[in-house]
Amino acid sequence: MRYKINWDALGITASVACAIHCALLPLFITSLPFLGINIIENVTFEYVMIALAFVVGAYALHHGFKHHHRHLLPLSLFSMGICFLIAKQVWHQWQLYLLPPAVILIITAHYVNHRFSRKTKH
């Protein structure tokens, strides 16, 4: 039996994990520096999370576009979401305003891609 990965579900999970990381980590895990662990405000960690969201999302949306539906809406939503994530890193003082639309756009892109893919008869 062959196991298939639902890339849209994985993309939604990665986006939610990113949102949880950005929203809750500073509130609940402020004691990590005392343990010698610093992932709060760690630029490398932030860029790795953005890269992970981009790779998973790009693969899922490309697959859905190429093999199922040929709609540009999910790709457009995802691109805007990634742009907001990158903008959050560039303009760090605005991250609380840039993160929610980024996460909403990326999750919506995966959801729309999933819906379009399910409507086809493939």
C-alpha atoms as a PDB file:
ATOM      1  CA  MET A   1       0.000   0.000   0.000  1.00  0.00           C
ATOM      2  CA  ARG A   2       1.391   3.372  -0.989  1.00  0.00           C
ATOM      3  CA  TYR A   3       1.325   6.238   1.491  1.00  0.00           C
ATOM      4  CA  LYS A   4       0.438   9.708   0.136  1.00  0.00           C
ATOM      5  CA  ILE A   5       1.333  12.929   1.854  1.00  0.00           C
ATOM      6  CA  ASN A   6      -1.368  15.591   1.889  1.00  0.00           C
ATOM      7  CA  TRP A   7       0.875  18.570   1.174  1.00  0.00           C
ATOM      8  CA  ASP A   8      -1.903  21.098   1.777  1.00  0.00           C
ATOM      9  CA  ALA A   9      -2.535  19.679   5.244  1.00  0.00           C
ATOM     10  CA  LEU A  10       1.207  19.751   5.902  1.00  0.00           C
ATOM     11  CA  GLY A  11       1.347  23.371   4.712  1.00  0.00           C
ATOM     12  CA  ILE A  12      -1.550  24.375   6.955  1.00  0.00           C
ATOM     13  CA  THR A  13       0.143  22.598   9.871  1.00  0.00           C
ATOM     14  CA  ALA A  14       3.452  24.380   9.188  1.00  0.00           C
ATOM     15  CA  SER A  15       1.645  27.738   8.993  1.00  0.00           C
ATOM     16  CA  VAL A  16      -0.185  27.134  12.256  1.00  0.00           C
ATOM     17  CA  ALA A  17       3.053  25.990  13.903  1.00  0.00           C
ATOM     18  CA  CYS A  18       4.702  29.189  12.705  1.00  0.00           C
ATOM     19  CA  ALA A  19       1.846  31.283  14.112  1.00  0.00           C
ATOM     20  CA  ILE A  20       2.028  29.480  17.439  1.00  0.00           C
ATOM     21  CA  HIS A  21       5.792  29.934  17.517  1.00  0.00           C
ATOM     22  CA  CYS A  22       5.539  33.654  16.796  1.00  0.00           C
ATOM     23  CA  ALA A  23       2.616  34.347  19.123  1.00  0.00           C
ATOM     24  CA  LEU A  24       3.117  32.070  22.118  1.00  0.00           C
ATOM     25  CA  LEU A  25       6.808  31.370  22.321  1.00  0.00           C
ATOM     26  CA  PRO A  26       7.781  34.794  23.677  1.00  0.00           C
ATOM     27  CA  LEU A  27       5.012  34.542  26.294  1.00  0.00           C
ATOM     28  CA  PHE A  28       5.631  31.045  27.652  1.00  0.00           C
ATOM     29  CA  ILE A  29       9.266  30.229  27.047  1.00  0.00           C
ATOM     30  CA  THR A  30      11.113  33.319  28.221  1.00  0.00           C
ATOM     31  CA  SER A  31      13.252  31.194  30.530  1.00  0.00           C
ATOM     32  CA  LEU A  32      15.084  29.405  27.702  1.00  0.00           C
ATOM     33  CA  PRO A  33      18.077  31.792  27.715  1.00  0.00           C
ATOM     34  CA  PHE A  34      18.756  30.713  31.320  1.00  0.00           C
ATOM     35  CA  LEU A  35      19.126  27.178  29.959  1.00  0.00           C
ATOM     36  CA  GLY A  36      21.445  28.332  27.190  1.00  0.00           C
ATOM     37  CA  ILE A  37      18.801  27.978  24.466  1.00  0.00           C
ATOM     38  CA  ASN A  38      17.935  31.046  22.428  1.00  0.00           C
ATOM     39  CA  ILE A  39      15.288  30.624  19.726  1.00  0.00           C
ATOM     40  CA  ILE A  40      13.418  33.781  20.686  1.00  0.00           C
ATOM     41  CA  GLU A  41      14.375  36.544  18.257  1.00  0.00           C
ATOM     42  CA  ASN A  42      16.811  34.126  16.580  1.00  0.00           C
ATOM     43  CA  VAL A  43      17.083  35.396  12.997  1.00  0.00           C
ATOM     44  CA  THR A  44      18.382  32.087  11.646  1.00  0.00           C
ATOM     45  CA  PHE A  45      15.490  30.165  13.199  1.00  0.00           C
ATOM     46  CA  GLU A  46      13.005  32.680  11.778  1.00  0.00           C
ATOM     47  CA  TYR A  47      14.411  32.355   8.257  1.00  0.00           C
ATOM     48  CA  VAL A  48      14.462  28.547   8.522  1.00  0.00           C
ATOM     49  CA  MET A  49      10.765  28.595   9.469  1.00  0.00           C
ATOM     50  CA  ILE A  50       9.978  30.917   6.538  1.00  0.00           C
ATOM     51  CA  ALA A  51      11.982  28.686   4.188  1.00  0.00           C
ATOM     52  CA  LEU A  52      10.147  25.602   5.469  1.00  0.00           C
ATOM     53  CA  ALA A  53       6.770  27.271   4.922  1.00  0.00           C
ATOM     54  CA  PHE A  54       7.861  28.336   1.425  1.00  0.00           C
ATOM     55  CA  VAL A  55       9.193  24.908   0.357  1.00  0.00           C
ATOM     56  CA  VAL A  56       6.182  22.963   1.637  1.00  0.00           C
ATOM     57  CA  GLY A  57       3.712  25.516   0.288  1.00  0.00           C
ATOM     58  CA  ALA A  58       5.386  25.888  -3.085  1.00  0.00           C
ATOM     59  CA  TYR A  59       5.418  22.122  -3.609  1.00  0.00           C
ATOM     60  CA  ALA A  60       1.799  21.649  -2.520  1.00  0.00           C
ATOM     61  CA  LEU A  61       0.467  24.540  -4.571  1.00  0.00           C
ATOM     62  CA  HIS A  62       2.542  23.658  -7.641  1.00  0.00           C
ATOM     63  CA  HIS A  63       1.281  20.088  -7.504  1.00  0.00           C
ATOM     64  CA  GLY A  64      -2.339  21.203  -7.155  1.00  0.00           C
ATOM     65  CA  PHE A  65      -1.978  23.737  -9.963  1.00  0.00           C
ATOM     66  CA  LYS A  66      -0.185  21.404 -12.358  1.00  0.00           C
ATOM     67  CA  HIS A  67      -2.138  18.200 -11.776  1.00  0.00           C
ATOM     68  CA  HIS A  68      -5.585  19.280 -10.669  1.00  0.00           C
ATOM     69  CA  HIS A  69      -7.043  22.715 -11.171  1.00  0.00           C
ATOM     70  CA  ARG A  70      -4.957  25.367 -13.055  1.00  0.00           C
ATOM     71  CA  HIS A  71      -6.312  28.201 -10.857  1.00  0.00           C
ATOM     72  CA  LEU A  72      -3.902  31.009  -9.943  1.00  0.00           C
ATOM     73  CA  LEU A  73      -5.793  32.123  -6.820  1.00  0.00           C
ATOM     74  CA  PRO A  74      -3.987  29.774  -4.385  1.00  0.00           C
ATOM     75  CA  LEU A  75      -0.592  30.737  -5.827  1.00  0.00           C
ATOM     76  CA  SER A  76      -1.435  34.437  -5.540  1.00  0.00           C
ATOM     77  CA  LEU A  77      -2.634  34.139  -1.938  1.00  0.00           C
ATOM     78  CA  PHE A  78       0.435  32.120  -0.994  1.00  0.00           C
ATOM     79  CA  SER A  79       2.801  34.603  -2.659  1.00  0.00           C
ATOM     80  CA  MET A  80       1.236  37.489  -0.771  1.00  0.00           C
ATOM     81  CA  GLY A  81       1.492  35.544   2.485  1.00  0.00           C
ATOM     82  CA  ILE A  82       5.183  34.784   1.957  1.00  0.00           C
ATOM     83  CA  CYS A  83       5.781  38.456   1.103  1.00  0.00           C
ATOM     84  CA  PHE A  84       4.164  39.430   4.409  1.00  0.00           C
ATOM     85  CA  LEU A  85       6.397  36.930   6.252  1.00  0.00           C
ATOM     86  CA  ILE A  86       9.509  38.365   4.643  1.00  0.00           C
ATOM     87  CA  ALA A  87       8.279  41.902   5.350  1.00  0.00           C
ATOM     88  CA  LYS A  88       7.848  40.873   8.996  1.00  0.00           C
ATOM     89  CA  GLN A  89      11.539  40.041   9.109  1.00  0.00           C
ATOM     90  CA  VAL A  90      12.615  43.213   7.310  1.00  0.00           C
ATOM     91  CA  TRP A  91      10.422  45.592   9.315  1.00  0.00           C
ATOM     92  CA  HIS A  92      10.651  43.859  12.669  1.00  0.00           C
ATOM     93  CA  GLN A  93       8.897  46.654  14.562  1.00  0.00           C
ATOM     94  CA  TRP A  94       5.723  45.941  12.515  1.00  0.00           C
ATOM     95  CA  GLN A  95       5.753  42.160  12.967  1.00  0.00           C
ATOM     96  CA  LEU A  96       2.598  42.081  15.091  1.00  0.00           C
ATOM     97  CA  TYR A  97       0.713  43.742  12.229  1.00  0.00           C
ATOM     98  CA  LEU A  98       2.340  41.776   9.403  1.00  0.00           C
ATOM     99  CA  LEU A  99       2.199  38.257  10.880  1.00  0.00           C
ATOM    100  CA  PRO A 100      -1.599  37.745  11.124  1.00  0.00           C
ATOM    101  CA  PRO A 101      -2.293  38.546   7.448  1.00  0.00           C
ATOM    102  CA  ALA A 102       0.691  36.390   6.438  1.00  0.00           C
ATOM    103  CA  VAL A 103      -0.618  33.366   8.309  1.00  0.00           C
ATOM    104  CA  ILE A 104      -4.205  33.929   7.172  1.00  0.00           C
ATOM    105  CA  LEU A 105      -3.144  34.250   3.522  1.00  0.00           C
ATOM    106  CA  ILE A 106      -0.960  31.130   3.595  1.00  0.00           C
ATOM    107  CA  ILE A 107      -3.583  28.996   5.333  1.00  0.00           C
ATOM    108  CA  THR A 108      -6.267  30.298   2.965  1.00  0.00           C
ATOM    109  CA  ALA A 109      -4.051  29.473  -0.040  1.00  0.00           C
ATOM    110  CA  HIS A 110      -3.669  25.875   1.136  1.00  0.00           C
ATOM    111  CA  TYR A 111      -7.371  25.584   1.895  1.00  0.00           C
ATOM    112  CA  VAL A 112      -8.401  26.977  -1.505  1.00  0.00           C
ATOM    113  CA  ASN A 113      -5.849  24.745  -3.247  1.00  0.00           C
ATOM    114  CA  HIS A 114      -7.232  21.739  -1.399  1.00  0.00           C
ATOM    115  CA  ARG A 115     -10.817  22.639  -2.322  1.00  0.00           C
ATOM    116  CA  PHE A 116      -9.932  23.212  -5.999  1.00  0.00           C
ATOM    117  CA  SER A 117      -8.010  19.921  -6.090  1.00  0.00           C
ATOM    118  CA  ARG A 118     -10.948  18.003  -4.610  1.00  0.00           C
ATOM    119  CA  LYS A 119     -13.395  19.444  -7.153  1.00  0.00           C
ATOM    120  CA  THR A 120     -11.534  17.851 -10.055  1.00  0.00           C
ATOM    121  CA  LYS A 121     -12.151  14.268 -11.108  1.00  0.00           C
ATOM    122  CA  HIS A 122      -8.475  13.200 -10.989  1.00  0.00           C
END
